[in-house]
């Protein structure tokens, strides 16, 4: 009948609609699954990239840290070597100063010993000369007064008179020698004073010339123009600041 046919058609249409809906749902689920898979893959790639970047950053940070540490260690080694070198130079300077003091003390002791020996030899020579003079004068007086022809008492008295006369002559000679020596020493002292005054004038003129012209020679200072750090103290801080970095151990003879 028409009613039965209609029911069949409706049933068939409903089944087709259900199948279509099921297929559509399947495709939606499949698409969602594909999307989820792609998203998972994208996230996995992104995580891998982030991990790679993080590893690169970590490696770079480690490398920079290592370089900084090595640079600091190298600088520390340089500083220690510079400090040790400075300490060694100070030690050598101190040792050289002590050795110089010992040499000067030994030289001074030797000079004093030589002076003592020379003074003793001079005294002995003076005594020998006095004895010789005494004997010669006694013999001369004895011959002039012919004491061999006198009796014993007169001879003894005359000999005593001769001795007193000879000792007076020796004393006069000694006083004359000492006066001449004192005059000679006075002359030497005056000459030293005159020489010191000349040296003072020359030094003042040298320092004046230094102060007038040394700035023009800064960096090209010939050896001997500045003798020591005392000369350097004649100038202001600006000159000393510019001078010291541009001169290589200027006062060290080893650098010439």
Protein backbone atom coordinates (compact mmCIF):
# COMPACT_ATOMS: atom_id res chain seq x y z
CA UNK A 1 0.00 0.00 0.00
CA UNK A 2 0.99 3.66 -0.25
CA UNK A 3 1.43 3.84 3.51
CA UNK A 4 3.77 0.88 3.55
CA UNK A 5 5.78 2.28 0.65
CA UNK A 6 6.08 5.62 2.42
CA UNK A 7 7.25 4.00 5.60
CA UNK A 8 9.91 2.08 3.71
CA UNK A 9 11.11 5.19 1.97
CA UNK A 10 11.31 7.05 5.24
CA UNK A 11 13.20 4.22 6.87
CA UNK A 12 15.68 4.06 4.00
CA UNK A 13 16.15 7.84 4.08
CA UNK A 14 16.71 7.78 7.81
CA UNK A 15 19.36 5.08 7.46
CA UNK A 16 21.17 7.04 4.77
CA UNK A 17 21.07 10.18 6.89
CA UNK A 18 22.40 8.24 9.83
CA UNK A 19 25.20 6.80 7.71
CA UNK A 20 26.04 10.22 6.32
CA UNK A 21 26.10 11.67 9.82
CA UNK A 22 28.27 8.83 11.02
CA UNK A 23 30.64 9.36 8.09
CA UNK A 24 30.75 13.09 8.78
CA UNK A 25 31.52 12.45 12.41
CA UNK A 26 34.21 10.00 11.40
CA UNK A 27 35.78 12.58 9.10
CA UNK A 28 35.57 15.22 11.83
CA UNK A 29 37.20 12.85 14.28
CA UNK A 30 39.84 11.94 11.72
CA UNK A 31 40.50 15.61 10.98
CA UNK A 32 40.72 16.38 14.70
CA UNK A 33 43.06 13.45 15.15
CA UNK A 34 45.22 14.70 12.26
CA UNK A 35 45.19 18.19 13.73
CA UNK A 36 46.17 16.82 17.11
CA UNK A 37 48.94 14.77 15.51
CA UNK A 38 50.22 17.80 13.59
CA UNK A 39 50.05 19.92 16.75
CA UNK A 40 51.88 17.24 18.70
CA UNK A 41 54.52 17.05 15.98
CA UNK A 42 54.79 20.86 15.91
CA UNK A 43 55.14 20.99 19.68
CA UNK A 44 57.71 18.20 19.56
CA UNK A 45 59.71 20.11 16.91
CA UNK A 46 59.39 23.32 18.90
CA UNK A 47 60.52 21.59 22.08
CA UNK A 48 63.43 20.05 20.21
CA UNK A 49 64.38 23.48 18.86
CA UNK A 50 64.08 25.06 22.32
CA UNK A 51 66.18 22.29 23.80
CA UNK A 52 68.77 22.79 21.05
CA UNK A 53 68.77 26.55 21.66
CA UNK A 54 69.01 25.99 25.40
CA UNK A 55 71.93 23.63 24.84
CA UNK A 56 73.62 26.18 22.58
CA UNK A 57 73.08 28.89 25.18
CA UNK A 58 74.37 26.60 27.93
CA UNK A 59 77.41 25.64 25.84
CA UNK A 60 78.06 29.29 25.02
CA UNK A 61 77.68 30.32 28.66
CA UNK A 62 80.00 27.51 29.70
CA UNK A 63 82.49 28.52 27.03
CA UNK A 64 82.34 32.18 28.08
CA UNK A 65 82.66 31.19 31.73
CA UNK A 66 85.65 29.01 30.89
CA UNK A 67 87.24 31.82 28.85
CA UNK A 68 86.64 34.33 31.65
CA UNK A 69 88.07 31.93 34.21
CA UNK A 70 91.10 31.20 32.03
CA UNK A 71 91.56 34.94 31.40
CA UNK A 72 91.34 35.64 35.13
CA UNK A 73 93.76 32.81 35.88
CA UNK A 74 96.15 34.12 33.24
CA UNK A 75 95.91 37.63 34.66
CA UNK A 76 96.48 36.25 38.15
CA UNK A 77 99.56 34.40 36.90
CA UNK A 78 100.81 37.60 35.25
CA UNK A 79 100.19 39.57 38.44
CA UNK A 80 101.99 36.94 40.52
CA UNK A 81 104.92 36.90 38.10
CA UNK A 82 105.09 40.72 38.15
CA UNK A 83 104.94 40.70 41.95
CA UNK A 84 107.64 38.02 42.16
CA UNK A 85 109.80 39.94 39.68
CA UNK A 86 109.37 43.15 41.69
CA UNK A 87 110.18 41.28 44.91
CA UNK A 88 113.27 39.79 43.28
CA UNK A 89 114.37 43.22 42.08
CA UNK A 90 113.82 44.62 45.57
CA UNK A 91 115.77 41.73 47.04
CA UNK A 92 118.63 42.25 44.60
CA UNK A 93 118.64 45.99 45.31
CA UNK A 94 118.70 45.34 49.05
CA UNK A 95 121.46 42.78 48.62
CA UNK A 96 123.46 45.17 46.44
CA UNK A 97 122.97 47.94 49.01
CA UNK A 98 124.15 45.66 51.82
CA UNK A 99 127.15 44.51 49.79
CA UNK A 100 127.97 48.13 48.98
CA UNK A 101 127.79 49.04 52.67
CA UNK A 102 130.07 46.11 53.53
CA UNK A 103 132.55 47.11 50.81
CA UNK A 104 132.50 50.73 51.97
CA UNK A 105 133.02 49.65 55.58
CA UNK A 106 135.90 47.36 54.60
CA UNK A 107 137.40 50.08 52.41
CA UNK A 108 137.05 52.58 55.26
CA UNK A 109 138.71 50.14 57.66
CA UNK A 110 141.52 49.62 55.16
CA UNK A 111 141.94 53.38 54.73
CA UNK A 112 142.01 53.82 58.51
CA UNK A 113 144.56 51.03 58.84
CA UNK A 114 146.73 52.58 56.15
CA UNK A 115 146.39 55.98 57.80
CA UNK A 116 147.41 54.52 61.17
CA UNK A 117 150.39 52.77 59.60
CA UNK A 118 151.35 55.89 57.67
CA UNK A 119 151.03 58.00 60.81
CA UNK A 120 153.15 55.52 62.81
CA UNK A 121 155.75 55.40 60.03
CA UNK A 122 155.79 59.19 59.88
CA UNK A 123 156.25 59.44 63.67
CA UNK A 124 159.06 56.92 63.53
CA UNK A 125 160.70 58.81 60.67
CA UNK A 126 160.40 62.05 62.67
CA UNK A 127 161.97 60.37 65.72
CA UNK A 128 164.77 58.96 63.57
CA UNK A 129 165.34 62.37 62.02
CA UNK A 130 165.33 64.02 65.47
CA UNK A 131 167.80 61.44 66.77
CA UNK A 132 170.05 61.97 63.78
CA UNK A 133 169.81 65.74 64.14
CA UNK A 134 170.46 65.45 67.88
CA UNK A 135 173.59 63.34 67.41
CA UNK A 136 174.89 65.59 64.63
CA UNK A 137 174.35 68.77 66.66
CA UNK A 138 175.85 67.25 69.83
CA UNK A 139 178.89 66.18 67.84
CA UNK A 140 179.14 69.63 66.28
CA UNK A 141 178.84 71.43 69.63
CA UNK A 142 181.36 69.07 71.18
CA UNK A 143 183.78 69.73 68.35
CA UNK A 144 183.21 73.51 68.46
CA UNK A 145 183.73 73.67 72.23
CA UNK A 146 186.48 71.03 72.20
CA UNK A 147 184.97 69.32 75.22
CA UNK A 148 187.45 66.46 74.89
CA UNK A 149 190.04 68.85 76.25
CA UNK A 150 187.91 69.71 79.33
CA UNK A 151 188.02 67.94 82.62
CA UNK A 152 185.23 65.52 83.49
CA UNK A 153 183.04 67.97 85.43
CA UNK A 154 183.22 70.75 82.84
CA UNK A 155 182.66 68.18 80.08
CA UNK A 156 179.48 66.89 81.76
CA UNK A 157 178.17 70.41 82.30
CA UNK A 158 178.92 71.38 78.71
CA UNK A 159 177.25 68.18 77.44
CA UNK A 160 174.13 69.01 79.45
CA UNK A 161 174.21 72.51 78.01
CA UNK A 162 174.56 71.05 74.53
CA UNK A 163 171.63 68.70 75.12
CA UNK A 164 169.40 71.54 76.26
CA UNK A 165 170.38 73.60 73.25
CA UNK A 166 169.80 70.71 70.86
CA UNK A 167 166.36 69.91 72.39
CA UNK A 168 165.44 73.59 72.04
CA UNK A 169 166.47 73.48 68.39
CA UNK A 170 164.45 70.28 67.85
CA UNK A 171 161.47 71.87 69.59
CA UNK A 172 161.77 74.96 67.38
CA UNK A 173 161.97 72.77 64.28
CA UNK A 174 158.89 70.81 65.35
CA UNK A 175 156.94 74.01 66.05
CA UNK A 176 157.95 75.44 62.69
CA UNK A 177 156.92 72.22 60.91
CA UNK A 178 153.55 72.19 62.72
CA UNK A 179 152.97 75.84 61.87
CA UNK A 180 153.76 75.16 58.20
CA UNK A 181 151.47 72.11 58.24
CA UNK A 182 148.65 74.13 59.86
CA UNK A 183 149.05 76.85 57.25
CA UNK A 184 148.99 74.24 54.48
CA UNK A 185 145.81 72.66 55.93
CA UNK A 186 144.22 76.09 56.22
CA UNK A 187 145.02 76.80 52.59
CA UNK A 188 143.58 73.43 51.55
CA UNK A 189 140.42 74.12 53.55
CA UNK A 190 140.03 77.51 51.94
CA UNK A 191 140.54 75.95 48.51
CA UNK A 192 137.87 73.34 49.26
CA UNK A 193 135.51 76.13 50.28
CA UNK A 194 136.20 78.01 47.04
CA UNK A 195 135.73 74.80 45.03
CA UNK A 196 132.45 74.03 46.84
CA UNK A 197 131.21 77.54 46.06
CA UNK A 198 132.12 77.13 42.39
CA UNK A 199 130.34 73.76 42.28
CA UNK A 200 127.27 75.28 43.95
CA UNK A 201 127.12 78.06 41.37
CA UNK A 202 127.56 75.57 38.51
CA UNK A 203 124.84 73.30 39.95
CA UNK A 204 122.41 76.19 40.36
CA UNK A 205 122.99 77.23 36.76
CA UNK A 206 122.53 73.62 35.57
CA UNK A 207 119.24 73.32 37.43
CA UNK A 208 118.09 76.66 36.04
CA UNK A 209 118.84 75.49 32.47
CA UNK A 210 117.00 72.23 33.15
CA UNK A 211 113.89 74.03 34.32
CA UNK A 212 113.98 76.31 31.28
CA UNK A 213 114.58 73.71 28.54
CA UNK A 214 113.81 70.18 29.78
CA UNK A 215 110.14 70.33 28.72
CA UNK A 216 111.22 70.69 25.08
CA UNK A 217 113.20 67.43 25.36
CA UNK A 218 110.44 65.40 27.02
CA UNK A 219 110.49 61.91 25.53
CA UNK A 220 113.86 62.51 23.84
CA UNK A 221 116.01 63.21 26.89
CA UNK A 222 119.69 62.41 26.22
CA UNK A 223 121.57 60.40 28.81
CA UNK A 224 123.01 62.48 31.62
CA UNK A 225 120.70 65.48 31.29
CA UNK A 226 118.76 64.35 34.35
CA UNK A 227 121.17 62.79 36.79
CA UNK A 228 118.74 61.28 39.28
CA UNK A 229 115.26 61.58 40.80
CA UNK A 230 116.43 64.62 42.73
CA UNK A 231 116.65 66.46 39.40
CA UNK A 232 113.17 65.19 38.53
CA UNK A 233 111.82 66.70 41.75
CA UNK A 234 112.65 70.16 40.35
CA UNK A 235 109.60 69.92 38.09
CA UNK A 236 105.86 69.97 38.71
CA UNK A 237 103.53 66.96 38.81
CA UNK A 238 102.48 67.39 35.17
CA UNK A 239 106.06 67.12 33.95
CA UNK A 240 106.80 64.08 36.14
CA UNK A 241 103.58 62.37 35.04
CA UNK A 242 104.44 62.86 31.35
CA UNK A 243 108.11 62.03 31.88
CA UNK A 244 107.91 58.70 33.71
CA UNK A 245 105.80 56.67 31.21
CA UNK A 246 107.88 57.88 28.26
CA UNK A 247 111.27 57.05 29.70
CA UNK A 248 112.58 53.47 30.12
CA UNK A 249 114.23 53.14 33.52
CA UNK A 250 115.94 56.42 32.71
CA UNK A 251 118.32 56.32 35.65
CA UNK A 252 119.30 52.63 35.18
CA UNK A 253 122.68 52.31 33.48
CA UNK A 254 121.64 48.89 32.07
CA UNK A 255 119.20 50.60 29.72
CA UNK A 256 121.93 52.67 28.04
